[in-house]
């Protein structure tokens, strides 16, 4: 097999639910999290125009160096 890289993340999206409990219930930290109606922001901080139309949560998993995808999935 050739060389490849991967990045694992869990995305949760809902039309209007507050998803702030998802990371804490999983014992993980969210890399991005917002509720429907929150002001939009850019990843570097400044405000963007508009509001979010749905709620969203993203949790990124640490990549284990030199591991294949099945091993990374098991670790996550």
N, C-alpha and C. Protein backbone atom coordinates (compact mmCIF):
# COMPACT_ATOMS: atom_id res chain seq x y z
N UNK A 1 0.83 -1.18 0.00
CA UNK A 1 0.00 0.00 0.00
C UNK A 1 0.87 1.25 0.00
N UNK A 2 0.41 2.29 -0.67
CA UNK A 2 1.17 3.54 -0.72
C UNK A 2 1.06 4.32 0.56
N UNK A 3 1.89 5.35 0.67
CA UNK A 3 1.83 6.22 1.83
C UNK A 3 0.55 7.06 1.78
N UNK A 4 -0.06 7.26 2.90
CA UNK A 4 -1.24 8.10 2.99
C UNK A 4 -1.32 8.69 4.38
N UNK A 5 -2.10 9.73 4.51
CA UNK A 5 -2.37 10.32 5.82
C UNK A 5 -3.88 10.38 6.01
N UNK A 6 -4.28 10.52 7.24
CA UNK A 6 -5.70 10.63 7.54
C UNK A 6 -5.88 11.54 8.75
N UNK A 7 -7.08 12.05 8.89
CA UNK A 7 -7.45 12.87 10.05
C UNK A 7 -8.87 12.47 10.42
N UNK A 8 -9.07 12.11 11.68
CA UNK A 8 -10.38 11.67 12.13
C UNK A 8 -11.09 12.78 12.89
N UNK A 9 -12.36 12.97 12.58
CA UNK A 9 -13.16 13.94 13.31
C UNK A 9 -14.61 13.47 13.33
N UNK A 10 -15.32 13.92 14.33
CA UNK A 10 -16.75 13.63 14.47
C UNK A 10 -17.50 14.94 14.30
N UNK A 11 -18.44 14.98 13.37
CA UNK A 11 -19.25 16.17 13.15
C UNK A 11 -20.68 15.85 13.54
N UNK A 12 -21.28 16.73 14.32
CA UNK A 12 -22.69 16.61 14.70
C UNK A 12 -23.37 17.91 14.30
N UNK A 13 -24.46 17.79 13.57
CA UNK A 13 -25.21 18.97 13.15
C UNK A 13 -26.68 18.72 13.42
N UNK A 14 -27.39 19.78 13.87
CA UNK A 14 -28.81 19.67 14.17
C UNK A 14 -29.48 20.99 13.81
N UNK A 15 -30.73 20.94 13.37
CA UNK A 15 -31.39 22.19 12.98
C UNK A 15 -31.46 23.24 14.09
N UNK A 16 -31.59 22.82 15.37
CA UNK A 16 -31.73 23.83 16.43
C UNK A 16 -31.30 23.39 17.82
N UNK A 17 -30.85 22.18 18.02
CA UNK A 17 -30.49 21.69 19.36
C UNK A 17 -29.21 22.35 19.87
N UNK A 18 -29.10 22.47 21.18
CA UNK A 18 -27.86 22.94 21.82
C UNK A 18 -26.95 21.71 21.95
N UNK A 19 -25.86 21.70 21.21
CA UNK A 19 -24.97 20.53 21.17
C UNK A 19 -23.80 20.65 22.15
N UNK A 20 -23.84 21.61 23.05
CA UNK A 20 -22.71 21.85 23.95
C UNK A 20 -22.44 20.69 24.90
N UNK A 21 -23.41 19.81 25.13
CA UNK A 21 -23.20 18.67 26.01
C UNK A 21 -22.52 17.49 25.32
N UNK A 22 -22.50 17.48 24.01
CA UNK A 22 -21.93 16.35 23.27
C UNK A 22 -20.46 16.12 23.65
N UNK A 23 -19.59 17.12 23.56
CA UNK A 23 -18.19 16.87 23.92
C UNK A 23 -17.99 16.44 25.37
N UNK A 24 -18.71 17.08 26.29
CA UNK A 24 -18.51 16.75 27.70
C UNK A 24 -19.00 15.33 28.01
N UNK A 25 -20.08 14.91 27.39
CA UNK A 25 -20.58 13.55 27.62
C UNK A 25 -19.64 12.50 27.05
N UNK A 26 -18.91 12.88 26.00
CA UNK A 26 -17.93 11.95 25.41
C UNK A 26 -16.57 12.08 26.08
N UNK A 27 -16.40 13.07 26.95
CA UNK A 27 -15.11 13.28 27.60
C UNK A 27 -14.06 13.82 26.66
N UNK A 28 -14.50 14.60 25.66
CA UNK A 28 -13.60 15.13 24.65
C UNK A 28 -13.82 16.63 24.51
N UNK A 29 -12.91 17.30 23.83
CA UNK A 29 -13.02 18.75 23.61
C UNK A 29 -13.47 19.01 22.18
N UNK A 30 -14.34 19.99 22.02
CA UNK A 30 -14.79 20.38 20.68
C UNK A 30 -13.80 21.36 20.07
N UNK A 31 -13.51 21.16 18.79
CA UNK A 31 -12.65 22.11 18.09
C UNK A 31 -13.48 23.25 17.51
N UNK A 32 -14.74 23.01 17.20
CA UNK A 32 -15.67 24.04 16.74
C UNK A 32 -17.04 23.70 17.33
N UNK A 33 -17.75 24.71 17.80
CA UNK A 33 -19.05 24.50 18.41
C UNK A 33 -19.85 25.78 18.33
N UNK A 34 -21.08 25.69 17.81
CA UNK A 34 -21.97 26.85 17.83
C UNK A 34 -23.42 26.39 17.87
N UNK A 35 -24.28 27.32 18.28
CA UNK A 35 -25.72 27.08 18.32
C UNK A 35 -26.39 27.86 17.20
N UNK A 36 -27.54 27.37 16.78
CA UNK A 36 -28.33 28.09 15.81
C UNK A 36 -28.57 29.50 16.35
N UNK A 37 -28.36 30.49 15.52
CA UNK A 37 -28.59 31.87 15.92
C UNK A 37 -27.35 32.59 16.43
N UNK A 38 -26.26 31.85 16.75
CA UNK A 38 -25.01 32.49 17.16
C UNK A 38 -24.43 33.28 15.99
N UNK A 39 -23.72 34.36 16.31
CA UNK A 39 -23.05 35.14 15.28
C UNK A 39 -21.95 34.30 14.64
N UNK A 40 -21.83 34.40 13.33
CA UNK A 40 -20.78 33.66 12.62
C UNK A 40 -19.43 34.29 12.92
N UNK A 41 -18.40 33.45 13.02
CA UNK A 41 -17.03 33.93 13.21
C UNK A 41 -16.13 33.20 12.23
N UNK A 42 -14.98 33.79 11.97
CA UNK A 42 -13.97 33.13 11.16
C UNK A 42 -13.10 32.32 12.11
N UNK A 43 -12.37 31.36 11.59
CA UNK A 43 -11.55 30.50 12.45
C UNK A 43 -10.46 31.29 13.17
N UNK A 44 -10.05 32.44 12.64
CA UNK A 44 -9.03 33.24 13.31
C UNK A 44 -9.63 34.28 14.25
N UNK A 45 -10.95 34.26 14.46
CA UNK A 45 -11.54 35.09 15.49
C UNK A 45 -12.48 36.19 15.07
N UNK A 46 -12.15 37.03 14.08
CA UNK A 46 -13.04 38.16 13.77
C UNK A 46 -14.43 37.69 13.33
N UNK A 47 -15.39 38.55 13.57
CA UNK A 47 -16.77 38.21 13.19
C UNK A 47 -16.94 38.22 11.68
N UNK A 48 -17.69 37.28 11.20
CA UNK A 48 -18.11 37.25 9.80
C UNK A 48 -19.54 37.75 9.78
N UNK A 49 -20.08 37.96 8.63
CA UNK A 49 -21.45 38.46 8.54
C UNK A 49 -22.45 37.34 8.75
N UNK A 50 -23.55 37.64 9.43
CA UNK A 50 -24.65 36.71 9.55
C UNK A 50 -24.64 35.87 10.82
N UNK A 51 -25.61 34.97 10.87
CA UNK A 51 -25.76 34.06 12.01
C UNK A 51 -25.79 32.62 11.49
N UNK A 52 -25.52 31.68 12.38
CA UNK A 52 -25.56 30.26 12.01
C UNK A 52 -27.01 29.80 11.88
N UNK A 53 -27.28 29.07 10.83
CA UNK A 53 -28.65 28.59 10.57
C UNK A 53 -28.95 27.25 11.23
N UNK A 54 -27.93 26.60 11.77
CA UNK A 54 -28.11 25.34 12.49
C UNK A 54 -27.02 25.21 13.54
N UNK A 55 -27.18 24.25 14.44
CA UNK A 55 -26.19 24.00 15.49
C UNK A 55 -25.17 22.99 14.96
N UNK A 56 -23.92 23.12 15.45
CA UNK A 56 -22.83 22.31 14.93
C UNK A 56 -21.80 22.05 16.01
N UNK A 57 -21.23 20.86 15.99
CA UNK A 57 -20.15 20.49 16.89
C UNK A 57 -19.15 19.64 16.13
N UNK A 58 -17.87 19.96 16.24
CA UNK A 58 -16.81 19.16 15.61
C UNK A 58 -15.80 18.77 16.68
N UNK A 59 -15.49 17.49 16.75
CA UNK A 59 -14.48 16.96 17.66
C UNK A 59 -13.41 16.31 16.81
N UNK A 60 -12.17 16.78 16.95
CA UNK A 60 -11.06 16.21 16.19
C UNK A 60 -10.28 15.26 17.09
N UNK A 61 -9.95 14.12 16.56
CA UNK A 61 -9.20 13.11 17.30
C UNK A 61 -7.72 13.24 16.99
N UNK A 62 -6.88 13.01 18.00
CA UNK A 62 -5.44 13.04 17.80
C UNK A 62 -5.04 11.90 16.87
N UNK A 63 -4.15 12.22 15.96
CA UNK A 63 -3.64 11.20 15.05
C UNK A 63 -2.44 10.53 15.68
N UNK A 64 -2.43 9.23 15.66
CA UNK A 64 -1.30 8.48 16.19
C UNK A 64 -0.26 8.37 15.08
N UNK A 65 0.91 8.91 15.33
CA UNK A 65 1.97 8.88 14.31
C UNK A 65 2.27 7.45 13.88
N UNK A 66 2.49 7.28 12.62
CA UNK A 66 2.88 5.99 12.06
C UNK A 66 1.83 4.88 12.22
N UNK A 67 0.57 5.25 12.41
CA UNK A 67 -0.45 4.20 12.53
C UNK A 67 -1.30 4.17 11.27
N UNK A 68 -1.84 2.98 10.99
CA UNK A 68 -2.71 2.87 9.84
C UNK A 68 -4.13 3.27 10.25
N UNK A 69 -5.01 3.41 9.27
CA UNK A 69 -6.37 3.87 9.55
C UNK A 69 -7.12 2.96 10.52
N UNK A 70 -7.11 1.64 10.37
CA UNK A 70 -7.84 0.80 11.33
C UNK A 70 -7.36 1.00 12.77
N UNK A 71 -6.05 1.16 12.97
CA UNK A 71 -5.51 1.40 14.31
C UNK A 71 -5.98 2.75 14.84
N UNK A 72 -5.97 3.76 13.97
CA UNK A 72 -6.45 5.09 14.36
C UNK A 72 -7.91 5.09 14.73
N UNK A 73 -8.73 4.35 13.99
CA UNK A 73 -10.16 4.26 14.31
C UNK A 73 -10.39 3.58 15.65
N UNK A 74 -9.65 2.53 15.91
CA UNK A 74 -9.79 1.84 17.20
C UNK A 74 -9.38 2.76 18.35
N UNK A 75 -8.32 3.53 18.16
CA UNK A 75 -7.84 4.44 19.21
C UNK A 75 -8.86 5.55 19.47
N UNK A 76 -9.49 6.04 18.40
CA UNK A 76 -10.49 7.10 18.56
C UNK A 76 -11.69 6.59 19.32
